[in-house]
Amino acid sequence: MQELEKILEEIRAIAIELKNKHWGDDERHLTGKGIEVMCVQVEQIIRKHTNDGWISADEPPKKDYTAVFAVDKHDYYFVAVYDKEHGYRTNDVGADVDNIVAYCLFNPYRPERNEE
């Protein structure tokens, strides 16, 4: 819910900015260009916050010993394990576990979803 509030706050800020730039002649509605610009910016805001399943490293996994696919600040991707006592750990020598930016959880394999 907190993430949704951030999204709405950014959308409101964009709406106010565009309102000041793109009023129509009768000053009651945005021009077509203003609406188009707002739609593009709203889509960018939503995509920025959803991240296609990636979770910010600021929000650690809820369960101990969770295997994750992580990315560090150098755009290096690797598999790591998270536990509350030690944080992220990996055997990958190229990984910078102290500077993980985001991670995604592995989806368990489900044979019943196999397309064969």
PDB file of N, CA and C in Angstrom:
ATOM      1  N   MET A   1       0.821  -1.200   0.000  1.00  0.00           N
ATOM      2  CA  MET A   1       0.000   0.000   0.000  1.00  0.00           C
ATOM      3  C   MET A   1       0.862   1.260   0.000  1.00  0.00           C
ATOM      4  N   GLN A   2       1.980   1.202   0.692  1.00  0.00           N
ATOM      5  CA  GLN A   2       2.886   2.340   0.746  1.00  0.00           C
ATOM      6  C   GLN A   2       3.432   2.660  -0.648  1.00  0.00           C
ATOM      7  N   GLU A   3       3.715   1.633  -1.438  1.00  0.00           N
ATOM      8  CA  GLU A   3       4.211   1.824  -2.797  1.00  0.00           C
ATOM      9  C   GLU A   3       3.141   2.498  -3.660  1.00  0.00           C
ATOM     10  N   LEU A   4       1.892   2.117  -3.474  1.00  0.00           N
ATOM     11  CA  LEU A   4       0.804   2.732  -4.224  1.00  0.00           C
ATOM     12  C   LEU A   4       0.692   4.218  -3.898  1.00  0.00           C
ATOM     13  N   GLU A   5       0.876   4.585  -2.649  1.00  0.00           N
ATOM     14  CA  GLU A   5       0.843   5.996  -2.262  1.00  0.00           C
ATOM     15  C   GLU A   5       1.947   6.786  -2.958  1.00  0.00           C
ATOM     16  N   LYS A   6       3.144   6.192  -3.094  1.00  0.00           N
ATOM     17  CA  LYS A   6       4.241   6.853  -3.801  1.00  0.00           C
ATOM     18  C   LYS A   6       3.874   7.082  -5.262  1.00  0.00           C
ATOM     19  N   ILE A   7       3.267   6.074  -5.881  1.00  0.00           N
ATOM     20  CA  ILE A   7       2.859   6.185  -7.282  1.00  0.00           C
ATOM     21  C   ILE A   7       1.838   7.310  -7.444  1.00  0.00           C
ATOM     22  N   LEU A   8       0.831   7.324  -6.584  1.00  0.00           N
ATOM     23  CA  LEU A   8      -0.210   8.355  -6.677  1.00  0.00           C
ATOM     24  C   LEU A   8       0.356   9.750  -6.442  1.00  0.00           C
ATOM     25  N   GLU A   9       1.285   9.879  -5.530  1.00  0.00           N
ATOM     26  CA  GLU A   9       1.914  11.174  -5.254  1.00  0.00           C
ATOM     27  C   GLU A   9       2.647  11.693  -6.494  1.00  0.00           C
ATOM     28  N   GLU A  10       3.381  10.808  -7.167  1.00  0.00           N
ATOM     29  CA  GLU A  10       4.091  11.208  -8.378  1.00  0.00           C
ATOM     30  C   GLU A  10       3.121  11.574  -9.498  1.00  0.00           C
ATOM     31  N   ILE A  11       2.024  10.833  -9.624  1.00  0.00           N
ATOM     32  CA  ILE A  11       1.027  11.127 -10.659  1.00  0.00           C
ATOM     33  C   ILE A  11       0.370  12.476 -10.388  1.00  0.00           C
ATOM     34  N   ARG A  12       0.057  12.771  -9.130  1.00  0.00           N
ATOM     35  CA  ARG A  12      -0.528  14.073  -8.792  1.00  0.00           C
ATOM     36  C   ARG A  12       0.422  15.210  -9.151  1.00  0.00           C
ATOM     37  N   ALA A  13       1.711  15.032  -8.878  1.00  0.00           N
ATOM     38  CA  ALA A  13       2.703  16.063  -9.188  1.00  0.00           C
ATOM     39  C   ALA A  13       2.768  16.308 -10.698  1.00  0.00           C
ATOM     40  N   ILE A  14       2.731  15.228 -11.486  1.00  0.00           N
ATOM     41  CA  ILE A  14       2.740  15.358 -12.945  1.00  0.00           C
ATOM     42  C   ILE A  14       1.474  16.079 -13.409  1.00  0.00           C
ATOM     43  N   ALA A  15       0.335  15.742 -12.836  1.00  0.00           N
ATOM     44  CA  ALA A  15      -0.931  16.368 -13.240  1.00  0.00           C
ATOM     45  C   ALA A  15      -0.903  17.867 -12.983  1.00  0.00           C
ATOM     46  N   ILE A  16      -0.372  18.270 -11.843  1.00  0.00           N
ATOM     47  CA  ILE A  16      -0.295  19.705 -11.524  1.00  0.00           C
ATOM     48  C   ILE A  16       0.645  20.417 -12.489  1.00  0.00           C
ATOM     49  N   GLU A  17       1.785  19.802 -12.760  1.00  0.00           N
ATOM     50  CA  GLU A  17       2.753  20.399 -13.699  1.00  0.00           C
ATOM     51  C   GLU A  17       2.142  20.568 -15.085  1.00  0.00           C
ATOM     52  N   LEU A  18       1.462  19.526 -15.558  1.00  0.00           N
ATOM     53  CA  LEU A  18       0.862  19.590 -16.895  1.00  0.00           C
ATOM     54  C   LEU A  18      -0.319  20.558 -16.941  1.00  0.00           C
ATOM     55  N   LYS A  19      -1.054  20.641 -15.853  1.00  0.00           N
ATOM     56  CA  LYS A  19      -2.176  21.572 -15.794  1.00  0.00           C
ATOM     57  C   LYS A  19      -1.676  22.995 -16.023  1.00  0.00           C
ATOM     58  N   ASN A  20      -0.549  23.311 -15.435  1.00  0.00           N
ATOM     59  CA  ASN A  20       0.005  24.658 -15.583  1.00  0.00           C
ATOM     60  C   ASN A  20       0.544  24.921 -16.984  1.00  0.00           C
ATOM     61  N   LYS A  21       0.915  23.875 -17.730  1.00  0.00           N
ATOM     62  CA  LYS A  21       1.505  24.046 -19.056  1.00  0.00           C
ATOM     63  C   LYS A  21       0.510  23.890 -20.199  1.00  0.00           C
ATOM     64  N   HIS A  22      -0.499  23.050 -20.032  1.00  0.00           N
ATOM     65  CA  HIS A  22      -1.324  22.644 -21.176  1.00  0.00           C
ATOM     66  C   HIS A  22      -2.825  22.882 -20.977  1.00  0.00           C
ATOM     67  N   TRP A  23      -3.199  24.017 -20.440  1.00  0.00           N
ATOM     68  CA  TRP A  23      -4.633  24.288 -20.349  1.00  0.00           C
ATOM     69  C   TRP A  23      -5.200  24.552 -21.730  1.00  0.00           C
ATOM     70  N   GLY A  24      -6.431  24.139 -21.945  1.00  0.00           N
ATOM     71  CA  GLY A  24      -7.110  24.451 -23.200  1.00  0.00           C
ATOM     72  C   GLY A  24      -7.537  25.913 -23.211  1.00  0.00           C
ATOM     73  N   ASP A  25      -8.113  26.352 -24.343  1.00  0.00           N
ATOM     74  CA  ASP A  25      -8.530  27.749 -24.481  1.00  0.00           C
ATOM     75  C   ASP A  25      -9.581  28.142 -23.452  1.00  0.00           C
ATOM     76  N   ASP A  26     -10.449  27.216 -23.084  1.00  0.00           N
ATOM     77  CA  ASP A  26     -11.510  27.560 -22.136  1.00  0.00           C
ATOM     78  C   ASP A  26     -11.083  27.349 -20.685  1.00  0.00           C
ATOM     79  N   GLU A  27      -9.840  26.957 -20.463  1.00  0.00           N
ATOM     80  CA  GLU A  27      -9.246  26.767 -19.133  1.00  0.00           C
ATOM     81  C   GLU A  27      -9.997  25.769 -18.254  1.00  0.00           C
ATOM     82  N   ARG A  28     -10.761  24.865 -18.873  1.00  0.00           N
ATOM     83  CA  ARG A  28     -11.461  23.854 -18.080  1.00  0.00           C
ATOM     84  C   ARG A  28     -10.918  22.457 -18.293  1.00  0.00           C
ATOM     85  N   HIS A  29     -10.057  22.255 -19.267  1.00  0.00           N
ATOM     86  CA  HIS A  29      -9.536  20.911 -19.511  1.00  0.00           C
ATOM     87  C   HIS A  29      -8.160  20.983 -20.175  1.00  0.00           C
ATOM     88  N   LEU A  30      -7.435  19.888 -20.046  1.00  0.00           N
ATOM     89  CA  LEU A  30      -6.129  19.792 -20.693  1.00  0.00           C
ATOM     90  C   LEU A  30      -6.303  19.684 -22.205  1.00  0.00           C
ATOM     91  N   THR A  31      -5.340  20.166 -22.951  1.00  0.00           N
ATOM     92  CA  THR A  31      -5.360  19.986 -24.399  1.00  0.00           C
ATOM     93  C   THR A  31      -5.050  18.530 -24.715  1.00  0.00           C
ATOM     94  N   GLY A  32      -5.266  18.143 -25.954  1.00  0.00           N
ATOM     95  CA  GLY A  32      -4.951  16.770 -26.366  1.00  0.00           C
ATOM     96  C   GLY A  32      -3.492  16.435 -26.121  1.00  0.00           C
ATOM     97  N   LYS A  33      -2.605  17.382 -26.423  1.00  0.00           N
ATOM     98  CA  LYS A  33      -1.171  17.157 -26.203  1.00  0.00           C
ATOM     99  C   LYS A  33      -0.880  16.965 -24.716  1.00  0.00           C
ATOM    100  N   GLY A  34      -1.515  17.730 -23.856  1.00  0.00           N
ATOM    101  CA  GLY A  34      -1.320  17.603 -22.413  1.00  0.00           C
ATOM    102  C   GLY A  34      -1.752  16.240 -21.903  1.00  0.00           C
ATOM    103  N   ILE A  35      -2.878  15.756 -22.416  1.00  0.00           N
ATOM    104  CA  ILE A  35      -3.369  14.436 -22.010  1.00  0.00           C
ATOM    105  C   ILE A  35      -2.415  13.345 -22.494  1.00  0.00           C
ATOM    106  N   GLU A  36      -1.938  13.479 -23.729  1.00  0.00           N
ATOM    107  CA  GLU A  36      -0.995  12.501 -24.282  1.00  0.00           C
ATOM    108  C   GLU A  36       0.291  12.450 -23.454  1.00  0.00           C
ATOM    109  N   VAL A  37       0.837  13.612 -23.130  1.00  0.00           N
ATOM    110  CA  VAL A  37       2.064  13.680 -22.328  1.00  0.00           C
ATOM    111  C   VAL A  37       1.831  13.066 -20.951  1.00  0.00           C
ATOM    112  N   MET A  38       0.684  13.359 -20.354  1.00  0.00           N
ATOM    113  CA  MET A  38       0.384  12.824 -19.024  1.00  0.00           C
ATOM    114  C   MET A  38       0.268  11.304 -19.054  1.00  0.00           C
ATOM    115  N   CYS A  39      -0.377  10.754 -20.061  1.00  0.00           N
ATOM    116  CA  CYS A  39      -0.524   9.300 -20.151  1.00  0.00           C
ATOM    117  C   CYS A  39       0.846   8.614 -20.242  1.00  0.00           C
ATOM    118  N   VAL A  40       1.734   9.155 -21.047  1.00  0.00           N
ATOM    119  CA  VAL A  40       3.077   8.586 -21.187  1.00  0.00           C
ATOM    120  C   VAL A  40       3.817   8.650 -19.856  1.00  0.00           C
ATOM    121  N   GLN A  41       3.734   9.795 -19.182  1.00  0.00           N
ATOM    122  CA  GLN A  41       4.447   9.946 -17.910  1.00  0.00           C
ATOM    123  C   GLN A  41       3.858   9.060 -16.816  1.00  0.00           C
ATOM    124  N   VAL A  42       2.548   8.904 -16.798  1.00  0.00           N
ATOM    125  CA  VAL A  42       1.910   8.018 -15.811  1.00  0.00           C
ATOM    126  C   VAL A  42       2.352   6.580 -16.048  1.00  0.00           C
ATOM    127  N   GLU A  43       2.405   6.156 -17.306  1.00  0.00           N
ATOM    128  CA  GLU A  43       2.868   4.807 -17.620  1.00  0.00           C
ATOM    129  C   GLU A  43       4.310   4.607 -17.153  1.00  0.00           C
ATOM    130  N   GLN A  44       5.175   5.595 -17.367  1.00  0.00           N
ATOM    131  CA  GLN A  44       6.567   5.499 -16.925  1.00  0.00           C
ATOM    132  C   GLN A  44       6.660   5.391 -15.404  1.00  0.00           C
ATOM    133  N   ILE A  45       5.847   6.144 -14.684  1.00  0.00           N
ATOM    134  CA  ILE A  45       5.841   6.087 -13.219  1.00  0.00           C
ATOM    135  C   ILE A  45       5.437   4.701 -12.743  1.00  0.00           C
ATOM    136  N   ILE A  46       4.379   4.157 -13.314  1.00  0.00           N
ATOM    137  CA  ILE A  46       3.899   2.829 -12.900  1.00  0.00           C
ATOM    138  C   ILE A  46       4.943   1.765 -13.201  1.00  0.00           C
ATOM    139  N   ARG A  47       5.554   1.804 -14.388  1.00  0.00           N
ATOM    140  CA  ARG A  47       6.597   0.829 -14.733  1.00  0.00           C
ATOM    141  C   ARG A  47       7.793   0.939 -13.794  1.00  0.00           C
ATOM    142  N   LYS A  48       8.159   2.164 -13.421  1.00  0.00           N
ATOM    143  CA  LYS A  48       9.290   2.372 -12.517  1.00  0.00           C
ATOM    144  C   LYS A  48       9.042   1.685 -11.170  1.00  0.00           C
ATOM    145  N   HIS A  49       7.796   1.730 -10.699  1.00  0.00           N
ATOM    146  CA  HIS A  49       7.489   1.166  -9.389  1.00  0.00           C
ATOM    147  C   HIS A  49       7.193  -0.329  -9.420  1.00  0.00           C
ATOM    148  N   THR A  50       6.771  -0.859 -10.563  1.00  0.00           N
ATOM    149  CA  THR A  50       6.448  -2.282 -10.609  1.00  0.00           C
ATOM    150  C   THR A  50       7.658  -3.146 -10.907  1.00  0.00           C
ATOM    151  N   ASN A  51       8.581  -2.679 -11.723  1.00  0.00           N
ATOM    152  CA  ASN A  51       9.857  -3.357 -11.983  1.00  0.00           C
ATOM    153  C   ASN A  51       9.743  -4.806 -12.434  1.00  0.00           C
ATOM    154  N   ASP A  52       8.648  -5.205 -12.994  1.00  0.00           N
ATOM    155  CA  ASP A  52       8.490  -6.543 -13.564  1.00  0.00           C
ATOM    156  C   ASP A  52       8.935  -7.668 -12.625  1.00  0.00           C
ATOM    157  N   GLY A  53       8.560  -7.600 -11.384  1.00  0.00           N
ATOM    158  CA  GLY A  53       8.873  -8.662 -10.432  1.00  0.00           C
ATOM    159  C   GLY A  53      10.145  -8.449  -9.627  1.00  0.00           C
ATOM    160  N   TRP A  54      10.949  -7.457  -9.991  1.00  0.00           N
ATOM    161  CA  TRP A  54      12.164  -7.163  -9.229  1.00  0.00           C
ATOM    162  C   TRP A  54      11.788  -6.381  -7.975  1.00  0.00           C
ATOM    163  N   ILE A  55      12.452  -6.690  -6.882  1.00  0.00           N
ATOM    164  CA  ILE A  55      12.178  -6.071  -5.587  1.00  0.00           C
ATOM    165  C   ILE A  55      13.423  -5.312  -5.159  1.00  0.00           C
ATOM    166  N   SER A  56      13.240  -4.128  -4.633  1.00  0.00           N
ATOM    167  CA  SER A  56      14.374  -3.334  -4.159  1.00  0.00           C
ATOM    168  C   SER A  56      15.082  -4.063  -3.018  1.00  0.00           C
ATOM    169  N   ALA A  57      16.401  -3.969  -2.983  1.00  0.00           N
ATOM    170  CA  ALA A  57      17.178  -4.606  -1.920  1.00  0.00           C
ATOM    171  C   ALA A  57      16.885  -3.970  -0.562  1.00  0.00           C
ATOM    172  N   ASP A  58      16.240  -2.801  -0.566  1.00  0.00           N
ATOM    173  CA  ASP A  58      15.835  -2.162   0.693  1.00  0.00           C
ATOM    174  C   ASP A  58      14.736  -2.955   1.397  1.00  0.00           C
ATOM    175  N   GLU A  59      14.053  -3.824   0.660  1.00  0.00           N
ATOM    176  CA  GLU A  59      12.996  -4.677   1.212  1.00  0.00           C
ATOM    177  C   GLU A  59      13.497  -6.124   1.194  1.00  0.00           C
ATOM    178  N   PRO A  60      14.168  -6.585   2.244  1.00  0.00           N
ATOM    179  CA  PRO A  60      14.715  -7.947   2.226  1.00  0.00           C
ATOM    180  C   PRO A  60      13.609  -9.004   2.184  1.00  0.00           C
ATOM    181  N   PRO A  61      13.944 -10.214   1.712  1.00  0.00           N
ATOM    182  CA  PRO A  61      12.946 -11.296   1.688  1.00  0.00           C
ATOM    183  C   PRO A  61      12.380 -11.546   3.081  1.00  0.00           C
ATOM    184  N   LYS A  62      11.142 -11.981   3.109  1.00  0.00           N
ATOM    185  CA  LYS A  62      10.461 -12.199   4.392  1.00  0.00           C
ATOM    186  C   LYS A  62      10.908 -13.479   5.088  1.00  0.00           C
ATOM    187  N   LYS A  63      11.328 -14.482   4.310  1.00  0.00           N
ATOM    188  CA  LYS A  63      11.703 -15.773   4.889  1.00  0.00           C
ATOM    189  C   LYS A  63      13.218 -15.933   4.918  1.00  0.00           C
ATOM    190  N   ASP A  64      13.723 -16.579   5.962  1.00  0.00           N
ATOM    191  CA  ASP A  64      15.145 -16.888   6.059  1.00  0.00           C
ATOM    192  C   ASP A  64      15.549 -17.930   5.019  1.00  0.00           C
ATOM    193  N   TYR A  65      16.790 -17.893   4.611  1.00  0.00           N
ATOM    194  CA  TYR A  65      17.376 -18.837   3.657  1.00  0.00           C
ATOM    195  C   TYR A  65      16.589 -18.892   2.357  1.00  0.00           C
ATOM    196  N   THR A  66      16.287 -17.712   1.852  1.00  0.00           N
ATOM    197  CA  THR A  66      15.574 -17.581   0.590  1.00  0.00           C
ATOM    198  C   THR A  66      16.576 -17.436  -0.546  1.00  0.00           C
ATOM    199  N   ALA A  67      16.467 -18.280  -1.564  1.00  0.00           N
ATOM    200  CA  ALA A  67      17.317 -18.163  -2.752  1.00  0.00           C
ATOM    201  C   ALA A  67      16.717 -17.095  -3.658  1.00  0.00           C
ATOM    202  N   VAL A  68      17.565 -16.188  -4.127  1.00  0.00           N
ATOM    203  CA  VAL A  68      17.111 -15.101  -4.985  1.00  0.00           C
ATOM    204  C   VAL A  68      18.038 -14.951  -6.185  1.00  0.00           C
ATOM    205  N   PHE A  69      17.524 -14.352  -7.230  1.00  0.00           N
ATOM    206  CA  PHE A  69      18.335 -13.943  -8.369  1.00  0.00           C
ATOM    207  C   PHE A  69      18.565 -12.458  -8.161  1.00  0.00           C
ATOM    208  N   ALA A  70      19.816 -12.033  -7.977  1.00  0.00           N
ATOM    209  CA  ALA A  70      20.122 -10.669  -7.585  1.00  0.00           C
ATOM    210  C   ALA A  70      20.928  -9.941  -8.646  1.00  0.00           C
ATOM    211  N   VAL A  71      20.915  -8.610  -8.555  1.00  0.00           N
ATOM    212  CA  VAL A  71      21.747  -7.771  -9.411  1.00  0.00           C
ATOM    213  C   VAL A  71      22.430  -6.743  -8.513  1.00  0.00           C
ATOM    214  N   ASP A  72      23.738  -6.555  -8.745  1.00  0.00           N
ATOM    215  CA  ASP A  72      24.460  -5.567  -7.937  1.00  0.00           C
ATOM    216  C   ASP A  72      24.558  -4.239  -8.683  1.00  0.00           C
ATOM    217  N   LYS A  73      25.184  -3.253  -8.058  1.00  0.00           N
ATOM    218  CA  LYS A  73      25.232  -1.918  -8.654  1.00  0.00           C
ATOM    219  C   LYS A  73      26.066  -1.852  -9.927  1.00  0.00           C
ATOM    220  N   HIS A  74      26.796  -2.920 -10.227  1.00  0.00           N
ATOM    221  CA  HIS A  74      27.601  -2.980 -11.445  1.00  0.00           C
ATOM    222  C   HIS A  74      26.872  -3.728 -12.562  1.00  0.00           C
ATOM    223  N   ASP A  75      25.553  -3.977 -12.377  1.00  0.00           N
ATOM    224  CA  ASP A  75      24.724  -4.738 -13.324  1.00  0.00           C
ATOM    225  C   ASP A  75      25.208  -6.168 -13.500  1.00  0.00           C
ATOM    226  N   TYR A  76      25.744  -6.755 -12.433  1.00  0.00           N
ATOM    227  CA  TYR A  76      26.173  -8.150 -12.442  1.00  0.00           C
ATOM    228  C   TYR A  76      25.053  -8.979 -11.809  1.00  0.00           C
ATOM    229  N   TYR A  77      24.572  -9.979 -12.534  1.00  0.00           N
ATOM    230  CA  TYR A  77      23.470 -10.824 -12.070  1.00  0.00           C
ATOM    231  C   TYR A  77      24.019 -12.131 -11.515  1.00  0.00           C
ATOM    232  N   PHE A  78      23.439 -12.600 -10.406  1.00  0.00           N
ATOM    233  CA  PHE A  78      23.927 -13.822  -9.774  1.00  0.00           C
ATOM    234  C   PHE A  78      22.871 -14.390  -8.833  1.00  0.00           C
ATOM    235  N   VAL A  79      23.071 -15.640  -8.452  1.00  0.00           N
ATOM    236  CA  VAL A  79      22.191 -16.301  -7.486  1.00  0.00           C
ATOM    237  C   VAL A  79      22.783 -16.097  -6.102  1.00  0.00           C
ATOM    238  N   ALA A  80      21.932 -15.752  -5.151  1.00  0.00           N
ATOM    239  CA  ALA A  80      22.375 -15.549  -3.769  1.00  0.00           C
ATOM    240  C   ALA A  80      21.355 -16.168  -2.825  1.00  0.00           C
ATOM    241  N   VAL A  81      21.770 -16.337  -1.588  1.00  0.00           N
ATOM    242  CA  VAL A  81      20.873 -16.812  -0.532  1.00  0.00           C
ATOM    243  C   VAL A  81      20.816 -15.714   0.523  1.00  0.00           C
ATOM    244  N   TYR A  82      19.617 -15.446   1.013  1.00  0.00           N
ATOM    245  CA  TYR A  82      19.447 -14.419   2.036  1.00  0.00           C
ATOM    246  C   TYR A  82      19.048 -15.066   3.354  1.00  0.00           C
ATOM    247  N   ASP A  83      19.707 -14.652   4.435  1.00  0.00           N
ATOM    248  CA  ASP A  83      19.207 -14.984   5.770  1.00  0.00           C
ATOM    249  C   ASP A  83      19.356 -13.739   6.644  1.00  0.00           C
ATOM    250  N   LYS A  84      18.465 -13.618   7.624  1.00  0.00           N
ATOM    251  CA  LYS A  84      18.382 -12.395   8.428  1.00  0.00           C
ATOM    252  C   LYS A  84      19.657 -12.105   9.209  1.00  0.00           C
ATOM    253  N   GLU A  85      20.371 -13.126   9.605  1.00  0.00           N
ATOM    254  CA  GLU A  85      21.571 -12.926  10.414  1.00  0.00           C
ATOM    255  C   GLU A  85      22.761 -12.440   9.584  1.00  0.00           C
ATOM    256  N   HIS A  86      22.954 -13.003   8.391  1.00  0.00           N
ATOM    257  CA  HIS A  86      24.136 -12.683   7.582  1.00  0.00           C
ATOM    258  C   HIS A  86      23.845 -11.855   6.334  1.00  0.00           C
ATOM    259  N   GLY A  87      22.591 -11.638   5.989  1.00  0.00           N
ATOM    260  CA  GLY A  87      22.250 -10.917   4.764  1.00  0.00           C
ATOM    261  C   GLY A  87      22.398 -11.815   3.548  1.00  0.00           C
ATOM    262  N   TYR A  88      22.868 -11.249   2.452  1.00  0.00           N
ATOM    263  CA  TYR A  88      23.029 -12.004   1.208  1.00  0.00           C
ATOM    264  C   TYR A  88      24.390 -12.678   1.183  1.00  0.00           C
ATOM    265  N   ARG A  89      24.412 -13.921   0.673  1.00  0.00           N
ATOM    266  CA  ARG A  89      25.663 -14.665   0.512  1.00  0.00           C
ATOM    267  C   ARG A  89      25.627 -15.387  -0.825  1.00  0.00           C
ATOM    268  N   THR A  90      26.809 -15.565  -1.414  1.00  0.00           N
ATOM    269  CA  THR A  90      26.906 -16.297  -2.668  1.00  0.00           C
ATOM    270  C   THR A  90      28.315 -16.855  -2.816  1.00  0.00           C
ATOM    271  N   ASN A  91      28.458 -17.874  -3.641  1.00  0.00           N
ATOM    272  CA  ASN A  91      29.781 -18.414  -3.964  1.00  0.00           C
ATOM    273  C   ASN A  91      30.329 -17.799  -5.250  1.00  0.00           C
ATOM    274  N   ASP A  92      29.579 -16.911  -5.864  1.00  0.00           N
ATOM    275  CA  ASP A  92      29.984 -16.271  -7.111  1.00  0.00           C
ATOM    276  C   ASP A  92      31.039 -15.204  -6.803  1.00  0.00           C
ATOM    277  N   VAL A  93      32.258 -15.408  -7.267  1.00  0.00           N
ATOM    278  CA  VAL A  93      33.352 -14.494  -6.923  1.00  0.00           C
ATOM    279  C   VAL A  93      33.208 -13.119  -7.589  1.00  0.00           C
ATOM    280  N   GLY A  94      32.415 -12.990  -8.644  1.00  0.00           N
ATOM    281  CA  GLY A  94      32.234 -11.699  -9.299  1.00  0.00           C
ATOM    282  C   GLY A  94      31.132 -10.854  -8.690  1.00  0.00           C
ATOM    283  N   ALA A  95      30.389 -11.430  -7.770  1.00  0.00           N
ATOM    284  CA  ALA A  95      29.231 -10.744  -7.197  1.00  0.00           C
ATOM    285  C   ALA A  95      29.648  -9.776  -6.089  1.00  0.00           C
ATOM    286  N   ASP A  96      28.984  -8.641  -6.057  1.00  0.00           N
ATOM    287  CA  ASP A  96      29.203  -7.648  -5.000  1.00  0.00           C
ATOM    288  C   ASP A  96      27.995  -7.703  -4.064  1.00  0.00           C
ATOM    289  N   VAL A  97      27.992  -8.683  -3.135  1.00  0.00           N
ATOM    290  CA  VAL A  97      26.821  -8.900  -2.279  1.00  0.00           C
ATOM    291  C   VAL A  97      26.555  -7.739  -1.327  1.00  0.00           C
ATOM    292  N   ASP A  98      27.548  -6.902  -1.093  1.00  0.00           N
ATOM    293  CA  ASP A  98      27.344  -5.751  -0.215  1.00  0.00           C
ATOM    294  C   ASP A  98      26.629  -4.608  -0.940  1.00  0.00           C
ATOM    295  N   ASN A  99      26.506  -4.707  -2.241  1.00  0.00           N
ATOM    296  CA  ASN A  99      25.881  -3.646  -3.023  1.00  0.00           C
ATOM    297  C   ASN A  99      24.803  -4.176  -3.964  1.00  0.00           C
ATOM    298  N   ILE A 100      23.956  -5.055  -3.441  1.00  0.00           N
ATOM    299  CA  ILE A 100      22.826  -5.558  -4.227  1.00  0.00           C
ATOM    300  C   ILE A 100      21.798  -4.436  -4.372  1.00  0.00           C
ATOM    301  N   VAL A 101      21.340  -4.239  -5.594  1.00  0.00           N
ATOM    302  CA  VAL A 101      20.366  -3.197  -5.886  1.00  0.00           C
ATOM    303  C   VAL A 101      18.944  -3.754  -5.819  1.00  0.00           C
ATOM    304  N   ALA A 102      18.757  -4.939  -6.411  1.00  0.00           N
ATOM    305  CA  ALA A 102      17.429  -5.544  -6.463  1.00  0.00           C
ATOM    306  C   ALA A 102      17.558  -7.050  -6.591  1.00  0.00           C
ATOM    307  N   TYR A 103      16.449  -7.739  -6.371  1.00  0.00           N
ATOM    308  CA  TYR A 103      16.426  -9.191  -6.501  1.00  0.00           C
ATOM    309  C   TYR A 103      15.035  -9.619  -6.942  1.00  0.00           C
ATOM    310  N   CYS A 104      14.942 -10.830  -7.436  1.00  0.00           N
ATOM    311  CA  CYS A 104      13.630 -11.414  -7.688  1.00  0.00           C
ATOM    312  C   CYS A 104      13.633 -12.828  -7.125  1.00  0.00           C
ATOM    313  N   LEU A 105      12.482 -13.253  -6.693  1.00  0.00           N
ATOM    314  CA  LEU A 105      12.340 -14.580  -6.108  1.00  0.00           C
ATOM    315  C   LEU A 105      12.179 -15.603  -7.220  1.00  0.00           C
ATOM    316  N   PHE A 106      12.668 -16.788  -6.976  1.00  0.00           N
ATOM    317  CA  PHE A 106      12.501 -17.866  -7.947  1.00  0.00           C
ATOM    318  C   PHE A 106      11.081 -18.404  -7.842  1.00  0.00           C
ATOM    319  N   ASN A 107      10.477 -18.656  -8.984  1.00  0.00           N
ATOM    320  CA  ASN A 107       9.170 -19.304  -8.998  1.00  0.00           C
ATOM    321  C   ASN A 107       9.400 -20.808  -9.018  1.00  0.00           C
ATOM    322  N   PRO A 108       8.740 -21.527  -8.137  1.00  0.00           N
ATOM    323  CA  PRO A 108       8.944 -22.975  -8.117  1.00  0.00           C
ATOM    324  C   PRO A 108       8.458 -23.626  -9.408  1.00  0.00           C
ATOM    325  N   TYR A 109       9.124 -24.675  -9.826  1.00  0.00           N
ATOM    326  CA  TYR A 109       8.715 -25.411 -11.013  1.00  0.00           C
ATOM    327  C   TYR A 109       7.426 -26.148 -10.723  1.00  0.00           C
ATOM    328  N   ARG A 110       6.475 -26.033 -11.620  1.00  0.00           N
ATOM    329  CA  ARG A 110       5.196 -26.711 -11.466  1.00  0.00           C
ATOM    330  C   ARG A 110       4.967 -27.579 -12.693  1.00  0.00           C
ATOM    331  N   PRO A 111       5.138 -28.894 -12.573  1.00  0.00           N
ATOM    332  CA  PRO A 111       4.984 -29.780 -13.738  1.00  0.00           C
ATOM    333  C   PRO A 111       3.602 -29.667 -14.385  1.00  0.00           C
ATOM    334  N   GLU A 112       2.577 -29.357 -13.601  1.00  0.00           N
ATOM    335  CA  GLU A 112       1.222 -29.272 -14.156  1.00  0.00           C
ATOM    336  C   GLU A 112       1.070 -28.075 -15.097  1.00  0.00           C
ATOM    337  N   ARG A 113       2.005 -27.125 -15.053  1.00  0.00           N
ATOM    338  CA  ARG A 113       1.944 -25.981 -15.948  1.00  0.00           C
ATOM    339  C   ARG A 113       2.769 -26.186 -17.220  1.00  0.00           C
ATOM    340  N   ASN A 114       3.351 -27.365 -17.352  1.00  0.00           N
ATOM    341  CA  ASN A 114       4.137 -27.683 -18.529  1.00  0.00           C
ATOM    342  C   ASN A 114       3.224 -27.666 -19.739  1.00  0.00           C
ATOM    343  N   GLU A 115       3.664 -27.060 -20.843  1.00  0.00           N
ATOM    344  CA  GLU A 115       2.808 -26.902 -22.018  1.00  0.00           C
ATOM    345  C   GLU A 115       2.696 -28.146 -22.875  1.00  0.00           C
ATOM    346  N   GLU A 116       3.370 -29.216 -22.531  1.00  0.00           N
ATOM    347  CA  GLU A 116       3.286 -30.439 -23.325  1.00  0.00           C
ATOM    348  C   GLU A 116       1.963 -31.133 -23.148  1.00  0.00           C
TER     349      GLU A 116
END
